[in-house]
Amino acid sequence: MSTTAPRRGRRPGSPDTRAAILAVARQRFAQQGYAATSVRGIATAAGVDSALVHHYFGTKEDLFVASLELRVDPRDVVPVIAAGGRDEVGERLIRMLLSIWDDEESRLPLMALMRSAFEPEGKALVPDAFGRLILAPVGEALELDEPERRITLVASQLVGLVALRYVARIEPLASAPVDTLVATYAPVVQGYLTGPLP
């Protein structure tokens, strides 16, 4: 009678393995932020090899996007926002932001993301999600001077708008028509992106 020794080593791939990797990735990105999180660290914590993480998710950025569980890949909106160059980019950015947040299916995971920004273990997610995946590439596409400063100013407006309109539901922002919000916010965002800075 032969006995089979228990298998050693890393867990093979399966849907449960993919889910475990994703759970670890969410936790790591929320606690440590994008820059401080490594694919190797996620793989080790999930009990798999780094190659399996890459097999399921591709790059670290792909894994980050998957961990956010967003209905819209933020990287897909960058070409739309940047199209047409600098003129009216503020309006395109605000309209895109509001169209995504006004879609109920898109809003649910975004709400979780925004709420996590106010918790110590998740505070790195919003800057990484908005800054790294959307705003920084827009700044790069538009070849902005002082991109980090400009993007931070834009983010302050966008996060504030989203927090008050969708999370806290403060009036009159919560029920304001989209065109009113665009007319109010777009010139400010446009100024931050392309106008002179003090």
N, C-alpha and C. Protein backbone atom coordinates (compact mmCIF):
# COMPACT_ATOMS: atom_id res chain seq x y z
N MET A 1 0.85 -1.17 0.00
CA MET A 1 0.00 0.00 0.00
C MET A 1 0.89 1.23 0.00
N SER A 2 0.65 2.08 -0.95
CA SER A 2 1.49 3.28 -1.02
C SER A 2 0.73 4.45 -0.41
N THR A 3 1.47 5.27 0.24
CA THR A 3 0.86 6.48 0.81
C THR A 3 1.38 7.67 0.02
N THR A 4 0.48 8.55 -0.23
CA THR A 4 0.85 9.75 -0.98
C THR A 4 1.12 10.87 0.01
N ALA A 5 2.29 11.42 -0.11
CA ALA A 5 2.64 12.54 0.78
C ALA A 5 1.81 13.76 0.38
N PRO A 6 1.46 14.57 1.37
CA PRO A 6 0.71 15.77 1.03
C PRO A 6 1.54 16.68 0.12
N ARG A 7 0.86 17.34 -0.80
CA ARG A 7 1.57 18.23 -1.72
C ARG A 7 2.08 19.44 -0.97
N ARG A 8 3.26 19.84 -1.36
CA ARG A 8 3.85 21.04 -0.77
C ARG A 8 3.96 22.11 -1.84
N GLY A 9 4.25 23.28 -1.39
CA GLY A 9 4.45 24.36 -2.35
C GLY A 9 3.23 25.25 -2.44
N ARG A 10 3.24 26.05 -3.44
CA ARG A 10 2.18 27.04 -3.61
C ARG A 10 0.90 26.40 -4.16
N ARG A 11 -0.20 27.03 -3.83
CA ARG A 11 -1.51 26.56 -4.25
C ARG A 11 -1.67 26.72 -5.76
N PRO A 12 -2.24 25.71 -6.46
CA PRO A 12 -2.46 25.84 -7.90
C PRO A 12 -3.62 26.81 -8.17
N GLY A 13 -3.76 27.20 -9.42
CA GLY A 13 -4.78 28.17 -9.79
C GLY A 13 -6.18 27.58 -9.79
N SER A 14 -7.16 28.38 -9.37
CA SER A 14 -8.58 28.02 -9.39
C SER A 14 -9.35 29.31 -9.15
N PRO A 15 -10.67 29.27 -9.34
CA PRO A 15 -11.44 30.48 -9.05
C PRO A 15 -11.27 30.95 -7.60
N ASP A 16 -11.15 29.99 -6.66
CA ASP A 16 -10.93 30.37 -5.26
C ASP A 16 -9.59 31.05 -5.09
N THR A 17 -8.59 30.57 -5.82
CA THR A 17 -7.27 31.18 -5.75
C THR A 17 -7.32 32.60 -6.28
N ARG A 18 -8.01 32.80 -7.38
CA ARG A 18 -8.14 34.15 -7.95
C ARG A 18 -8.81 35.07 -6.94
N ALA A 19 -9.86 34.60 -6.30
CA ALA A 19 -10.57 35.40 -5.30
C ALA A 19 -9.67 35.71 -4.11
N ALA A 20 -8.85 34.74 -3.70
CA ALA A 20 -7.93 34.96 -2.58
C ALA A 20 -6.90 36.02 -2.93
N ILE A 21 -6.37 35.96 -4.14
CA ILE A 21 -5.40 36.97 -4.59
C ILE A 21 -6.05 38.35 -4.58
N LEU A 22 -7.26 38.43 -5.09
CA LEU A 22 -7.97 39.70 -5.15
C LEU A 22 -8.24 40.25 -3.75
N ALA A 23 -8.62 39.39 -2.82
CA ALA A 23 -8.88 39.82 -1.44
C ALA A 23 -7.61 40.38 -0.79
N VAL A 24 -6.50 39.69 -0.98
CA VAL A 24 -5.23 40.17 -0.43
C VAL A 24 -4.84 41.49 -1.09
N ALA A 25 -5.02 41.57 -2.40
CA ALA A 25 -4.66 42.80 -3.12
C ALA A 25 -5.48 43.99 -2.62
N ARG A 26 -6.78 43.80 -2.43
CA ARG A 26 -7.63 44.89 -1.91
C ARG A 26 -7.11 45.37 -0.56
N GLN A 27 -6.81 44.42 0.30
CA GLN A 27 -6.32 44.77 1.64
C GLN A 27 -4.99 45.51 1.56
N ARG A 28 -4.06 45.01 0.77
CA ARG A 28 -2.73 45.63 0.67
C ARG A 28 -2.81 47.03 0.05
N PHE A 29 -3.56 47.16 -1.04
CA PHE A 29 -3.66 48.47 -1.68
C PHE A 29 -4.34 49.47 -0.74
N ALA A 30 -5.35 49.02 0.00
CA ALA A 30 -6.04 49.91 0.93
C ALA A 30 -5.14 50.34 2.07
N GLN A 31 -4.35 49.43 2.59
CA GLN A 31 -3.51 49.74 3.75
C GLN A 31 -2.21 50.43 3.39
N GLN A 32 -1.59 50.01 2.29
CA GLN A 32 -0.25 50.49 1.98
C GLN A 32 -0.19 51.45 0.80
N GLY A 33 -1.25 51.49 -0.01
CA GLY A 33 -1.21 52.30 -1.22
C GLY A 33 -0.56 51.55 -2.36
N TYR A 34 -0.67 52.13 -3.54
CA TYR A 34 -0.19 51.47 -4.75
C TYR A 34 1.33 51.31 -4.74
N ALA A 35 2.03 52.39 -4.46
CA ALA A 35 3.50 52.38 -4.58
C ALA A 35 4.15 51.38 -3.64
N ALA A 36 3.64 51.26 -2.43
CA ALA A 36 4.27 50.39 -1.42
C ALA A 36 3.83 48.94 -1.51
N THR A 37 2.90 48.64 -2.39
CA THR A 37 2.40 47.28 -2.54
C THR A 37 3.10 46.61 -3.71
N SER A 38 3.54 45.37 -3.50
CA SER A 38 4.22 44.64 -4.57
C SER A 38 3.42 43.39 -4.94
N VAL A 39 3.56 42.98 -6.19
CA VAL A 39 2.92 41.74 -6.64
C VAL A 39 3.49 40.57 -5.86
N ARG A 40 4.77 40.58 -5.61
CA ARG A 40 5.40 39.50 -4.85
C ARG A 40 4.81 39.41 -3.43
N GLY A 41 4.62 40.56 -2.78
CA GLY A 41 4.03 40.56 -1.44
C GLY A 41 2.60 40.03 -1.43
N ILE A 42 1.84 40.42 -2.44
CA ILE A 42 0.47 39.92 -2.57
C ILE A 42 0.48 38.41 -2.79
N ALA A 43 1.35 37.96 -3.67
CA ALA A 43 1.44 36.52 -3.97
C ALA A 43 1.80 35.73 -2.72
N THR A 44 2.79 36.20 -1.98
CA THR A 44 3.22 35.51 -0.76
C THR A 44 2.07 35.42 0.24
N ALA A 45 1.38 36.54 0.46
CA ALA A 45 0.28 36.55 1.43
C ALA A 45 -0.88 35.66 0.98
N ALA A 46 -1.06 35.53 -0.34
CA ALA A 46 -2.14 34.68 -0.87
C ALA A 46 -1.72 33.22 -1.01
N GLY A 47 -0.43 32.94 -0.77
CA GLY A 47 0.06 31.57 -0.86
C GLY A 47 0.20 31.06 -2.28
N VAL A 48 0.51 31.97 -3.20
CA VAL A 48 0.69 31.58 -4.60
C VAL A 48 2.00 32.16 -5.13
N ASP A 49 2.35 31.77 -6.32
CA ASP A 49 3.54 32.30 -6.97
C ASP A 49 3.19 33.60 -7.70
N SER A 50 4.15 34.50 -7.80
CA SER A 50 3.92 35.77 -8.51
C SER A 50 3.45 35.55 -9.94
N ALA A 51 3.94 34.50 -10.57
CA ALA A 51 3.55 34.21 -11.96
C ALA A 51 2.05 33.96 -12.06
N LEU A 52 1.46 33.35 -11.03
CA LEU A 52 0.02 33.10 -11.05
C LEU A 52 -0.76 34.41 -10.94
N VAL A 53 -0.25 35.33 -10.14
CA VAL A 53 -0.88 36.65 -10.04
C VAL A 53 -0.87 37.32 -11.42
N HIS A 54 0.27 37.27 -12.08
CA HIS A 54 0.38 37.87 -13.42
C HIS A 54 -0.51 37.13 -14.42
N HIS A 55 -0.64 35.82 -14.27
CA HIS A 55 -1.50 35.03 -15.15
C HIS A 55 -2.95 35.51 -15.05
N TYR A 56 -3.43 35.69 -13.83
CA TYR A 56 -4.82 36.09 -13.63
C TYR A 56 -5.07 37.56 -13.96
N PHE A 57 -4.12 38.42 -13.60
CA PHE A 57 -4.40 39.86 -13.63
C PHE A 57 -3.52 40.68 -14.56
N GLY A 58 -2.45 40.11 -15.09
CA GLY A 58 -1.56 40.89 -15.94
C GLY A 58 -0.58 41.69 -15.10
N THR A 59 -0.63 43.00 -15.24
CA THR A 59 0.32 43.86 -14.54
C THR A 59 -0.18 44.23 -13.15
N LYS A 60 0.68 44.86 -12.39
CA LYS A 60 0.30 45.37 -11.07
C LYS A 60 -0.83 46.39 -11.21
N GLU A 61 -0.76 47.24 -12.22
CA GLU A 61 -1.82 48.22 -12.44
C GLU A 61 -3.15 47.54 -12.77
N ASP A 62 -3.11 46.47 -13.57
CA ASP A 62 -4.32 45.71 -13.88
C ASP A 62 -4.92 45.11 -12.60
N LEU A 63 -4.05 44.60 -11.74
CA LEU A 63 -4.51 44.03 -10.46
C LEU A 63 -5.14 45.11 -9.59
N PHE A 64 -4.53 46.29 -9.57
CA PHE A 64 -5.08 47.41 -8.80
C PHE A 64 -6.48 47.76 -9.30
N VAL A 65 -6.64 47.89 -10.61
CA VAL A 65 -7.95 48.21 -11.18
C VAL A 65 -8.96 47.12 -10.84
N ALA A 66 -8.56 45.86 -10.96
CA ALA A 66 -9.47 44.75 -10.61
C ALA A 66 -9.86 44.81 -9.14
N SER A 67 -8.94 45.19 -8.28
CA SER A 67 -9.22 45.24 -6.84
C SER A 67 -10.24 46.33 -6.50
N LEU A 68 -10.35 47.34 -7.35
CA LEU A 68 -11.32 48.40 -7.11
C LEU A 68 -12.74 47.99 -7.48
N GLU A 69 -12.87 46.94 -8.31
CA GLU A 69 -14.17 46.43 -8.75
C GLU A 69 -15.03 47.51 -9.39
N LEU A 70 -14.43 48.33 -10.22
CA LEU A 70 -15.17 49.39 -10.88
C LEU A 70 -15.81 48.87 -12.16
N ARG A 71 -16.95 49.42 -12.49
CA ARG A 71 -17.65 49.02 -13.72
C ARG A 71 -16.95 49.60 -14.95
N VAL A 72 -16.31 50.73 -14.78
CA VAL A 72 -15.59 51.40 -15.85
C VAL A 72 -14.11 51.38 -15.51
N ASP A 73 -13.29 50.94 -16.44
CA ASP A 73 -11.85 50.97 -16.23
C ASP A 73 -11.40 52.42 -16.33
N PRO A 74 -10.84 52.98 -15.25
CA PRO A 74 -10.44 54.39 -15.27
C PRO A 74 -9.49 54.73 -16.41
N ARG A 75 -8.71 53.76 -16.83
CA ARG A 75 -7.75 54.01 -17.92
C ARG A 75 -8.45 54.24 -19.25
N ASP A 76 -9.70 53.79 -19.38
CA ASP A 76 -10.44 53.98 -20.62
C ASP A 76 -10.99 55.40 -20.76
N VAL A 77 -11.12 56.13 -19.66
CA VAL A 77 -11.68 57.48 -19.75
C VAL A 77 -10.62 58.52 -20.09
N VAL A 78 -9.35 58.20 -19.89
CA VAL A 78 -8.28 59.17 -20.14
C VAL A 78 -8.27 59.67 -21.58
N PRO A 79 -8.33 58.79 -22.59
CA PRO A 79 -8.32 59.30 -23.97
C PRO A 79 -9.52 60.21 -24.27
N VAL A 80 -10.66 59.91 -23.67
CA VAL A 80 -11.86 60.73 -23.90
C VAL A 80 -11.66 62.12 -23.30
N ILE A 81 -11.13 62.16 -22.08
CA ILE A 81 -10.92 63.45 -21.41
C ILE A 81 -9.84 64.25 -22.13
N ALA A 82 -8.78 63.60 -22.53
CA ALA A 82 -7.65 64.30 -23.16
C ALA A 82 -7.91 64.66 -24.62
N ALA A 83 -8.89 64.01 -25.25
CA ALA A 83 -9.20 64.30 -26.66
C ALA A 83 -9.59 65.76 -26.82
N GLY A 84 -9.09 66.38 -27.84
CA GLY A 84 -9.43 67.79 -28.05
C GLY A 84 -8.45 68.73 -27.39
N GLY A 85 -7.44 68.17 -26.74
CA GLY A 85 -6.40 69.01 -26.15
C GLY A 85 -6.85 69.77 -24.92
N ARG A 86 -6.20 70.89 -24.70
CA ARG A 86 -6.40 71.64 -23.46
C ARG A 86 -7.72 72.41 -23.40
N ASP A 87 -8.21 72.86 -24.54
CA ASP A 87 -9.44 73.65 -24.53
C ASP A 87 -10.60 72.81 -24.01
N GLU A 88 -11.27 73.33 -23.02
CA GLU A 88 -12.46 72.72 -22.43
C GLU A 88 -12.20 71.36 -21.79
N VAL A 89 -10.96 71.07 -21.44
CA VAL A 89 -10.67 69.81 -20.75
C VAL A 89 -11.33 69.78 -19.37
N GLY A 90 -11.47 70.93 -18.74
CA GLY A 90 -12.15 71.01 -17.45
C GLY A 90 -13.60 70.54 -17.56
N GLU A 91 -14.27 70.99 -18.61
CA GLU A 91 -15.66 70.57 -18.83
C GLU A 91 -15.74 69.08 -19.13
N ARG A 92 -14.86 68.57 -19.98
CA ARG A 92 -14.88 67.14 -20.30
C ARG A 92 -14.63 66.30 -19.05
N LEU A 93 -13.72 66.75 -18.21
CA LEU A 93 -13.40 66.01 -16.99
C LEU A 93 -14.59 65.97 -16.03
N ILE A 94 -15.22 67.12 -15.82
CA ILE A 94 -16.39 67.18 -14.92
C ILE A 94 -17.55 66.36 -15.48
N ARG A 95 -17.82 66.49 -16.76
CA ARG A 95 -18.92 65.72 -17.37
C ARG A 95 -18.67 64.22 -17.25
N MET A 96 -17.45 63.80 -17.50
CA MET A 96 -17.12 62.37 -17.41
C MET A 96 -17.29 61.89 -15.97
N LEU A 97 -16.78 62.65 -15.02
CA LEU A 97 -16.89 62.29 -13.61
C LEU A 97 -18.35 62.13 -13.20
N LEU A 98 -19.17 63.11 -13.55
CA LEU A 98 -20.58 63.06 -13.18
C LEU A 98 -21.32 61.94 -13.89
N SER A 99 -21.00 61.67 -15.15
CA SER A 99 -21.69 60.59 -15.86
C SER A 99 -21.39 59.23 -15.23
N ILE A 100 -20.17 59.05 -14.78
CA ILE A 100 -19.81 57.78 -14.13
C ILE A 100 -20.49 57.67 -12.77
N TRP A 101 -20.46 58.74 -11.98
CA TRP A 101 -21.06 58.70 -10.65
C TRP A 101 -22.58 58.67 -10.70
N ASP A 102 -23.19 59.22 -11.73
CA ASP A 102 -24.65 59.20 -11.83
C ASP A 102 -25.19 57.84 -12.26
N ASP A 103 -24.34 56.98 -12.79
CA ASP A 103 -24.73 55.63 -13.16
C ASP A 103 -24.74 54.77 -11.88
N GLU A 104 -25.92 54.26 -11.52
CA GLU A 104 -26.06 53.57 -10.24
C GLU A 104 -25.13 52.37 -10.09
N GLU A 105 -24.96 51.60 -11.16
CA GLU A 105 -24.09 50.42 -11.06
C GLU A 105 -22.63 50.81 -10.88
N SER A 106 -22.22 51.90 -11.47
CA SER A 106 -20.85 52.38 -11.29
C SER A 106 -20.66 52.99 -9.91
N ARG A 107 -21.71 53.61 -9.39
CA ARG A 107 -21.60 54.36 -8.15
C ARG A 107 -21.32 53.48 -6.93
N LEU A 108 -21.88 52.28 -6.88
CA LEU A 108 -21.74 51.46 -5.67
C LEU A 108 -20.29 51.17 -5.31
N PRO A 109 -19.47 50.63 -6.22
CA PRO A 109 -18.07 50.41 -5.83
C PRO A 109 -17.31 51.71 -5.60
N LEU A 110 -17.70 52.77 -6.30
CA LEU A 110 -17.04 54.06 -6.09
C LEU A 110 -17.35 54.61 -4.71
N MET A 111 -18.58 54.38 -4.24
CA MET A 111 -18.95 54.82 -2.88
C MET A 111 -18.08 54.13 -1.85
N ALA A 112 -17.87 52.84 -2.02
CA ALA A 112 -17.00 52.11 -1.09
C ALA A 112 -15.59 52.67 -1.14
N LEU A 113 -15.12 52.98 -2.33
CA LEU A 113 -13.79 53.56 -2.48
C LEU A 113 -13.70 54.91 -1.77
N MET A 114 -14.69 55.77 -1.96
CA MET A 114 -14.67 57.09 -1.31
C MET A 114 -14.75 56.97 0.20
N ARG A 115 -15.60 56.08 0.68
CA ARG A 115 -15.71 55.92 2.14
C ARG A 115 -14.40 55.42 2.73
N SER A 116 -13.71 54.58 1.99
CA SER A 116 -12.44 54.05 2.50
C SER A 116 -11.39 55.15 2.63
N ALA A 117 -11.56 56.24 1.89
CA ALA A 117 -10.59 57.34 1.94
C ALA A 117 -10.59 58.01 3.31
N PHE A 118 -11.67 57.85 4.05
CA PHE A 118 -11.77 58.50 5.35
C PHE A 118 -11.44 57.55 6.50
N GLU A 119 -10.97 56.37 6.15
CA GLU A 119 -10.54 55.39 7.15
C GLU A 119 -9.03 55.23 7.04
N PRO A 120 -8.34 55.11 8.18
CA PRO A 120 -6.87 55.04 8.14
C PRO A 120 -6.34 53.94 7.23
N GLU A 121 -7.00 52.78 7.21
CA GLU A 121 -6.47 51.67 6.42
C GLU A 121 -6.74 51.81 4.93
N GLY A 122 -7.57 52.76 4.53
CA GLY A 122 -7.88 52.89 3.11
C GLY A 122 -7.55 54.24 2.51
N LYS A 123 -6.89 55.09 3.27
CA LYS A 123 -6.70 56.46 2.80
C LYS A 123 -5.83 56.60 1.56
N ALA A 124 -5.05 55.59 1.22
CA ALA A 124 -4.20 55.68 0.03
C ALA A 124 -4.95 55.34 -1.26
N LEU A 125 -6.11 54.71 -1.15
CA LEU A 125 -6.80 54.24 -2.36
C LEU A 125 -7.29 55.36 -3.27
N VAL A 126 -7.91 56.39 -2.71
CA VAL A 126 -8.46 57.45 -3.54
C VAL A 126 -7.37 58.20 -4.29
N PRO A 127 -6.30 58.64 -3.61
CA PRO A 127 -5.24 59.29 -4.40
C PRO A 127 -4.66 58.37 -5.47
N ASP A 128 -4.51 57.11 -5.15
CA ASP A 128 -3.98 56.18 -6.15
C ASP A 128 -4.96 55.98 -7.29
N ALA A 129 -6.24 55.81 -6.97
CA ALA A 129 -7.23 55.55 -8.01
C ALA A 129 -7.43 56.76 -8.92
N PHE A 130 -7.70 57.92 -8.32
CA PHE A 130 -7.94 59.12 -9.12
C PHE A 130 -6.65 59.69 -9.69
N GLY A 131 -5.65 59.80 -8.83
CA GLY A 131 -4.40 60.43 -9.25
C GLY A 131 -3.62 59.60 -10.24
N ARG A 132 -3.33 58.37 -9.87
CA ARG A 132 -2.47 57.53 -10.71
C ARG A 132 -3.14 57.07 -11.99
N LEU A 133 -4.41 56.69 -11.90
CA LEU A 133 -5.06 56.08 -13.06
C LEU A 133 -5.74 57.07 -14.00
N ILE A 134 -6.13 58.23 -13.50
CA ILE A 134 -6.86 59.17 -14.36
C ILE A 134 -6.13 60.50 -14.50
N LEU A 135 -5.95 61.20 -13.38
CA LEU A 135 -5.46 62.56 -13.46
C LEU A 135 -4.03 62.66 -13.96
N ALA A 136 -3.14 61.83 -13.45
CA ALA A 136 -1.74 61.89 -13.91
C ALA A 136 -1.63 61.60 -15.41
N PRO A 137 -2.31 60.56 -15.94
CA PRO A 137 -2.25 60.35 -17.39
C PRO A 137 -2.86 61.50 -18.21
N VAL A 138 -3.91 62.14 -17.68
CA VAL A 138 -4.48 63.30 -18.38
C VAL A 138 -3.45 64.42 -18.41
N GLY A 139 -2.81 64.66 -17.26
CA GLY A 139 -1.76 65.69 -17.20
C GLY A 139 -0.63 65.40 -18.16
N GLU A 140 -0.27 64.14 -18.25
CA GLU A 140 0.80 63.72 -19.17
C GLU A 140 0.38 63.93 -20.62
N ALA A 141 -0.85 63.54 -20.94
CA ALA A 141 -1.35 63.69 -22.32
C ALA A 141 -1.43 65.15 -22.74
N LEU A 142 -1.73 66.03 -21.77
CA LEU A 142 -1.86 67.45 -22.07
C LEU A 142 -0.53 68.20 -21.94
N GLU A 143 0.50 67.48 -21.51
CA GLU A 143 1.84 68.06 -21.32
C GLU A 143 1.79 69.31 -20.45
N LEU A 144 1.19 69.16 -19.27
CA LEU A 144 1.05 70.28 -18.34
C LEU A 144 2.38 70.62 -17.69
N ASP A 145 2.58 71.91 -17.43
CA ASP A 145 3.70 72.30 -16.60
C ASP A 145 3.26 72.12 -15.14
N GLU A 146 4.17 71.85 -14.26
CA GLU A 146 3.87 71.58 -12.85
C GLU A 146 2.73 70.58 -12.70
N PRO A 147 2.82 69.43 -13.36
CA PRO A 147 1.68 68.50 -13.36
C PRO A 147 1.26 68.02 -11.98
N GLU A 148 2.21 67.75 -11.10
CA GLU A 148 1.83 67.24 -9.78
C GLU A 148 1.01 68.27 -9.01
N ARG A 149 1.43 69.52 -9.06
CA ARG A 149 0.70 70.58 -8.36
C ARG A 149 -0.69 70.77 -8.96
N ARG A 150 -0.74 70.81 -10.28
CA ARG A 150 -2.03 71.02 -10.95
C ARG A 150 -3.00 69.86 -10.69
N ILE A 151 -2.49 68.65 -10.76
CA ILE A 151 -3.33 67.47 -10.55
C ILE A 151 -3.85 67.43 -9.12
N THR A 152 -3.03 67.82 -8.16
CA THR A 152 -3.47 67.85 -6.76
C THR A 152 -4.60 68.86 -6.57
N LEU A 153 -4.48 70.02 -7.20
CA LEU A 153 -5.54 71.02 -7.11
C LEU A 153 -6.84 70.51 -7.74
N VAL A 154 -6.73 69.88 -8.89
CA VAL A 154 -7.91 69.31 -9.55
C VAL A 154 -8.54 68.24 -8.67
N ALA A 155 -7.71 67.37 -8.11
CA ALA A 155 -8.22 66.29 -7.25
C ALA A 155 -8.98 66.86 -6.06
N SER A 156 -8.51 67.98 -5.50
CA SER A 156 -9.21 68.57 -4.35
C SER A 156 -10.63 68.97 -4.74
N GLN A 157 -10.82 69.48 -5.94
CA GLN A 157 -12.15 69.85 -6.41
C GLN A 157 -13.02 68.62 -6.67
N LEU A 158 -12.44 67.63 -7.34
CA LEU A 158 -13.23 66.45 -7.71
C LEU A 158 -13.63 65.63 -6.50
N VAL A 159 -12.69 65.41 -5.59
CA VAL A 159 -13.01 64.62 -4.39
C VAL A 159 -14.02 65.37 -3.54
N GLY A 160 -13.87 66.69 -3.43
CA GLY A 160 -14.84 67.48 -2.67
C GLY A 160 -16.23 67.41 -3.27
N LEU A 161 -16.32 67.55 -4.59
CA LEU A 161 -17.61 67.46 -5.28
C LEU A 161 -18.25 66.10 -5.06
N VAL A 162 -17.49 65.06 -5.27
CA VAL A 162 -18.03 63.70 -5.11
C VAL A 162 -18.45 63.44 -3.67
N ALA A 163 -17.62 63.84 -2.72
CA ALA A 163 -17.93 63.59 -1.31
C ALA A 163 -19.23 64.29 -0.90
N LEU A 164 -19.41 65.53 -1.33
CA LEU A 164 -20.60 66.28 -0.92
C LEU A 164 -21.84 65.88 -1.71
N ARG A 165 -21.70 65.60 -2.99
CA ARG A 165 -22.87 65.28 -3.82
C ARG A 165 -23.35 63.85 -3.62
N TYR A 166 -22.42 62.90 -3.58
CA TYR A 166 -22.82 61.48 -3.60
C TYR A 166 -22.68 60.77 -2.26
N VAL A 167 -21.71 61.13 -1.47
CA VAL A 167 -21.50 60.42 -0.20
C VAL A 167 -22.30 61.08 0.91
N ALA A 168 -22.05 62.37 1.18
CA ALA A 168 -22.76 63.06 2.25
C ALA A 168 -24.13 63.57 1.81
N ARG A 169 -24.34 63.71 0.50
CA ARG A 169 -25.60 64.19 -0.09
C ARG A 169 -26.02 65.54 0.49
N ILE A 170 -25.11 66.49 0.44
CA ILE A 170 -25.35 67.84 0.94
C ILE A 170 -26.02 68.67 -0.17
N GLU A 171 -27.12 69.33 0.20
CA GLU A 171 -27.81 70.21 -0.75
C GLU A 171 -27.15 71.59 -0.74
N PRO A 172 -27.16 72.28 -1.84
CA PRO A 172 -27.85 72.00 -3.09
C PRO A 172 -27.06 71.13 -4.07
N LEU A 173 -25.85 70.69 -3.70
CA LEU A 173 -25.05 69.87 -4.62
C LEU A 173 -25.71 68.54 -4.95
N ALA A 174 -26.34 67.92 -3.97
CA ALA A 174 -26.89 66.57 -4.17
C ALA A 174 -27.92 66.51 -5.28
N SER A 175 -28.71 67.56 -5.44
CA SER A 175 -29.77 67.54 -6.45
C SER A 175 -29.53 68.52 -7.60
N ALA A 176 -28.39 69.15 -7.63
CA ALA A 176 -28.11 70.13 -8.69
C ALA A 176 -28.05 69.45 -10.06
N PRO A 177 -28.59 70.09 -11.08
CA PRO A 177 -28.49 69.53 -12.44
C PRO A 177 -27.03 69.47 -12.90
N VAL A 178 -26.74 68.50 -13.73
CA VAL A 178 -25.38 68.31 -14.23
C VAL A 178 -24.85 69.57 -14.89
N ASP A 179 -25.67 70.22 -15.71
CA ASP A 179 -25.21 71.42 -16.41
C ASP A 179 -24.83 72.54 -15.44
N THR A 180 -25.54 72.64 -14.34
CA THR A 180 -25.21 73.64 -13.32
C THR A 180 -23.86 73.32 -12.69
N LEU A 181 -23.64 72.06 -12.38
CA LEU A 181 -22.36 71.66 -11.78
C LEU A 181 -21.21 71.85 -12.77
N VAL A 182 -21.44 71.53 -14.03
CA VAL A 182 -20.41 71.74 -15.05
C VAL A 182 -20.08 73.22 -15.15
N ALA A 183 -21.11 74.07 -15.19
CA ALA A 183 -20.88 75.51 -15.30
C ALA A 183 -20.15 76.05 -14.07
N THR A 184 -20.36 75.45 -12.92
CA THR A 184 -19.74 75.89 -11.68
C THR A 184 -18.31 75.39 -11.54
N TYR A 185 -18.10 74.11 -11.79
CA TYR A 185 -16.80 73.48 -11.53
C TYR A 185 -15.82 73.53 -12.70
N ALA A 186 -16.32 73.45 -13.92
CA ALA A 186 -15.42 73.35 -15.08
C ALA A 186 -14.45 74.52 -15.19
N PRO A 187 -14.90 75.77 -14.99
CA PRO A 187 -13.93 76.87 -15.09
C PRO A 187 -12.82 76.79 -14.03
N VAL A 188 -13.17 76.34 -12.84
CA VAL A 188 -12.17 76.21 -11.78
C VAL A 188 -11.16 75.12 -12.13
N VAL A 189 -11.68 73.97 -12.56
CA VAL A 189 -10.80 72.86 -12.94
C VAL A 189 -9.95 73.24 -14.15
N GLN A 190 -10.56 73.93 -15.11
CA GLN A 190 -9.81 74.39 -16.28
C GLN A 190 -8.67 75.31 -15.86
N GLY A 191 -8.96 76.21 -14.93
CA GLY A 191 -7.93 77.11 -14.43
C GLY A 191 -6.79 76.37 -13.75
N TYR A 192 -7.14 75.37 -12.96
CA TYR A 192 -6.11 74.57 -12.30
C TYR A 192 -5.24 73.83 -13.32
N LEU A 193 -5.85 73.37 -14.40
CA LEU A 193 -5.12 72.59 -15.38
C LEU A 193 -4.27 73.44 -16.32
N THR A 194 -4.83 74.55 -16.78
CA THR A 194 -4.15 75.29 -17.85
C THR A 194 -3.86 76.75 -17.54
N GLY A 195 -4.44 77.28 -16.47
CA GLY A 195 -4.24 78.69 -16.16
C GLY A 195 -2.95 78.94 -15.41
N PRO A 196 -2.63 80.22 -15.20
CA PRO A 196 -1.43 80.54 -14.42
C PRO A 196 -1.64 80.17 -12.95
N LEU A 197 -0.61 79.67 -12.32
CA LEU A 197 -0.67 79.32 -10.90
C LEU A 197 0.08 80.38 -10.10
N PRO A 198 -0.40 80.68 -8.90
CA PRO A 198 0.30 81.68 -8.07
C PRO A 198 1.67 81.18 -7.63
